[in-house]
N, C-alpha and C. Protein backbone atom coordinates (compact mmCIF):
# COMPACT_ATOMS: atom_id res chain seq x y z
N MET A 1 3.11 -7.35 -29.97
CA MET A 1 1.73 -7.14 -29.56
C MET A 1 1.58 -7.28 -28.05
N ALA A 2 2.15 -8.33 -27.50
CA ALA A 2 2.05 -8.55 -26.05
C ALA A 2 2.73 -7.41 -25.30
N ASN A 3 3.88 -6.97 -25.82
CA ASN A 3 4.59 -5.88 -25.16
C ASN A 3 3.77 -4.61 -25.15
N GLN A 4 3.04 -4.36 -26.22
CA GLN A 4 2.20 -3.17 -26.30
C GLN A 4 1.09 -3.24 -25.24
N LYS A 5 0.48 -4.40 -25.09
CA LYS A 5 -0.57 -4.56 -24.09
C LYS A 5 0.00 -4.40 -22.68
N GLU A 6 1.20 -4.96 -22.45
CA GLU A 6 1.83 -4.81 -21.15
C GLU A 6 2.15 -3.36 -20.85
N GLU A 7 2.62 -2.64 -21.86
CA GLU A 7 2.93 -1.22 -21.68
C GLU A 7 1.67 -0.42 -21.39
N GLU A 8 0.57 -0.75 -22.09
CA GLU A 8 -0.69 -0.06 -21.85
C GLU A 8 -1.19 -0.32 -20.43
N MET A 9 -1.08 -1.56 -19.98
CA MET A 9 -1.51 -1.90 -18.63
C MET A 9 -0.65 -1.17 -17.60
N ALA A 10 0.66 -1.15 -17.83
CA ALA A 10 1.56 -0.46 -16.91
C ALA A 10 1.22 1.03 -16.86
N GLN A 11 0.92 1.61 -18.00
CA GLN A 11 0.57 3.03 -18.04
C GLN A 11 -0.73 3.30 -17.29
N ARG A 12 -1.70 2.38 -17.41
CA ARG A 12 -2.96 2.54 -16.65
C ARG A 12 -2.69 2.50 -15.16
N TRP A 13 -1.80 1.56 -14.72
CA TRP A 13 -1.45 1.48 -13.31
C TRP A 13 -0.85 2.79 -12.84
N ILE A 14 0.10 3.30 -13.62
CA ILE A 14 0.77 4.55 -13.25
C ILE A 14 -0.24 5.69 -13.19
N ASP A 15 -1.12 5.78 -14.19
CA ASP A 15 -2.13 6.83 -14.20
C ASP A 15 -3.04 6.75 -12.97
N GLU A 16 -3.44 5.54 -12.60
CA GLU A 16 -4.30 5.37 -11.43
C GLU A 16 -3.57 5.77 -10.15
N MET A 17 -2.30 5.40 -10.05
CA MET A 17 -1.54 5.76 -8.85
C MET A 17 -1.32 7.26 -8.77
N VAL A 18 -1.13 7.91 -9.91
CA VAL A 18 -0.99 9.37 -9.93
C VAL A 18 -2.30 10.02 -9.49
N GLU A 19 -3.42 9.50 -9.99
CA GLU A 19 -4.73 10.03 -9.59
C GLU A 19 -4.95 9.89 -8.09
N LEU A 20 -4.43 8.81 -7.51
CA LEU A 20 -4.56 8.61 -6.06
C LEU A 20 -3.61 9.49 -5.27
N GLY A 21 -2.67 10.12 -5.95
CA GLY A 21 -1.75 11.03 -5.29
C GLY A 21 -0.57 10.32 -4.61
N LEU A 22 -0.22 9.14 -5.10
CA LEU A 22 0.90 8.42 -4.49
C LEU A 22 2.23 9.06 -4.89
N THR A 23 3.17 9.01 -3.97
CA THR A 23 4.52 9.47 -4.28
C THR A 23 5.24 8.38 -5.07
N LYS A 24 6.39 8.72 -5.63
CA LYS A 24 7.15 7.73 -6.39
C LYS A 24 7.55 6.55 -5.51
N SER A 25 7.94 6.82 -4.27
CA SER A 25 8.34 5.72 -3.39
C SER A 25 7.14 4.83 -3.05
N GLN A 26 5.97 5.43 -2.89
CA GLN A 26 4.77 4.63 -2.65
C GLN A 26 4.42 3.78 -3.86
N MET A 27 4.62 4.35 -5.06
CA MET A 27 4.36 3.61 -6.29
C MET A 27 5.28 2.40 -6.39
N VAL A 28 6.54 2.58 -6.02
CA VAL A 28 7.50 1.47 -6.06
C VAL A 28 7.05 0.36 -5.12
N ILE A 29 6.58 0.72 -3.94
CA ILE A 29 6.10 -0.27 -2.97
C ILE A 29 4.91 -1.04 -3.53
N VAL A 30 3.96 -0.31 -4.12
CA VAL A 30 2.78 -0.95 -4.71
C VAL A 30 3.18 -1.92 -5.81
N ILE A 31 4.09 -1.50 -6.68
CA ILE A 31 4.53 -2.35 -7.79
C ILE A 31 5.24 -3.59 -7.28
N HIS A 32 6.09 -3.44 -6.27
CA HIS A 32 6.80 -4.60 -5.73
C HIS A 32 5.83 -5.58 -5.06
N LYS A 33 4.85 -5.06 -4.34
CA LYS A 33 3.87 -5.95 -3.70
C LYS A 33 3.03 -6.68 -4.75
N ALA A 34 2.64 -5.96 -5.80
CA ALA A 34 1.84 -6.58 -6.86
C ALA A 34 2.66 -7.66 -7.57
N ARG A 35 3.91 -7.38 -7.81
CA ARG A 35 4.78 -8.35 -8.49
C ARG A 35 4.97 -9.59 -7.61
N ALA A 36 5.17 -9.38 -6.31
CA ALA A 36 5.33 -10.52 -5.40
C ALA A 36 4.07 -11.37 -5.37
N LYS A 37 2.92 -10.73 -5.34
CA LYS A 37 1.65 -11.46 -5.32
C LYS A 37 1.46 -12.23 -6.62
N TYR A 38 1.80 -11.61 -7.75
CA TYR A 38 1.69 -12.28 -9.05
C TYR A 38 2.60 -13.51 -9.10
N LEU A 39 3.82 -13.37 -8.61
CA LEU A 39 4.75 -14.49 -8.63
C LEU A 39 4.26 -15.62 -7.72
N GLU A 40 3.66 -15.27 -6.60
CA GLU A 40 3.11 -16.29 -5.69
C GLU A 40 1.97 -17.04 -6.37
N LEU A 41 1.07 -16.31 -7.04
CA LEU A 41 -0.04 -16.95 -7.74
C LEU A 41 0.47 -17.83 -8.88
N LEU A 42 1.49 -17.36 -9.58
CA LEU A 42 2.07 -18.13 -10.67
C LEU A 42 2.68 -19.43 -10.14
N LYS A 43 3.38 -19.34 -9.03
CA LYS A 43 3.99 -20.52 -8.41
C LYS A 43 2.91 -21.53 -8.00
N ASN A 44 1.82 -21.05 -7.43
CA ASN A 44 0.72 -21.93 -7.03
C ASN A 44 0.09 -22.60 -8.25
N GLN A 45 -0.04 -21.85 -9.34
CA GLN A 45 -0.62 -22.42 -10.55
C GLN A 45 0.28 -23.51 -11.12
N ILE A 46 1.58 -23.28 -11.10
CA ILE A 46 2.53 -24.28 -11.59
C ILE A 46 2.45 -25.55 -10.75
N GLN A 47 2.36 -25.41 -9.43
CA GLN A 47 2.24 -26.58 -8.57
C GLN A 47 0.96 -27.34 -8.86
N TYR A 48 -0.12 -26.61 -9.09
CA TYR A 48 -1.40 -27.25 -9.41
C TYR A 48 -1.29 -28.03 -10.71
N ILE A 49 -0.68 -27.43 -11.72
CA ILE A 49 -0.53 -28.09 -13.02
C ILE A 49 0.32 -29.36 -12.89
N LYS A 50 1.35 -29.31 -12.07
CA LYS A 50 2.20 -30.48 -11.88
C LYS A 50 1.45 -31.60 -11.15
N GLN A 51 0.56 -31.24 -10.23
CA GLN A 51 -0.17 -32.24 -9.46
C GLN A 51 -1.32 -32.85 -10.25
N ALA A 52 -1.90 -32.10 -11.17
CA ALA A 52 -3.08 -32.56 -11.91
C ALA A 52 -2.86 -33.88 -12.64
N PRO A 53 -1.75 -34.05 -13.38
CA PRO A 53 -1.56 -35.34 -14.06
C PRO A 53 -1.46 -36.52 -13.09
N ALA A 54 -0.79 -36.34 -11.97
CA ALA A 54 -0.66 -37.42 -10.99
C ALA A 54 -2.03 -37.78 -10.42
N GLU A 55 -2.85 -36.79 -10.15
CA GLU A 55 -4.19 -37.06 -9.63
C GLU A 55 -5.04 -37.77 -10.68
N ALA A 56 -4.90 -37.39 -11.93
CA ALA A 56 -5.66 -38.05 -13.01
C ALA A 56 -5.25 -39.50 -13.15
N ARG A 57 -3.94 -39.77 -13.05
CA ARG A 57 -3.46 -41.16 -13.13
C ARG A 57 -4.00 -41.98 -11.95
N ALA A 58 -4.03 -41.37 -10.77
CA ALA A 58 -4.52 -42.08 -9.59
C ALA A 58 -6.01 -42.42 -9.75
N LYS A 59 -6.78 -41.51 -10.31
CA LYS A 59 -8.20 -41.77 -10.52
C LYS A 59 -8.40 -42.88 -11.56
N THR A 60 -7.57 -42.88 -12.59
CA THR A 60 -7.67 -43.91 -13.63
C THR A 60 -7.34 -45.28 -13.06
N LYS A 61 -6.30 -45.35 -12.23
CA LYS A 61 -5.91 -46.63 -11.63
C LYS A 61 -6.96 -47.13 -10.65
N ALA A 62 -7.67 -46.22 -10.00
CA ALA A 62 -8.68 -46.61 -9.02
C ALA A 62 -9.88 -47.27 -9.68
N ARG A 63 -10.08 -46.99 -10.95
CA ARG A 63 -11.23 -47.57 -11.66
C ARG A 63 -10.97 -48.99 -11.90
């Protein structure tokens, strides 16, 4: 199910890039930049999740 949704999303991206008239090399650049941005956001989210328990413990101890 998840793979089907991912494939549909990827197809929408491709369709939109074709409508914009991008060349294949431009599409590759767009995909790589989007992937890099996604990985950066994912890394930030992981850091936030790791910090949240420590902050919660600190607040509990402060009480």
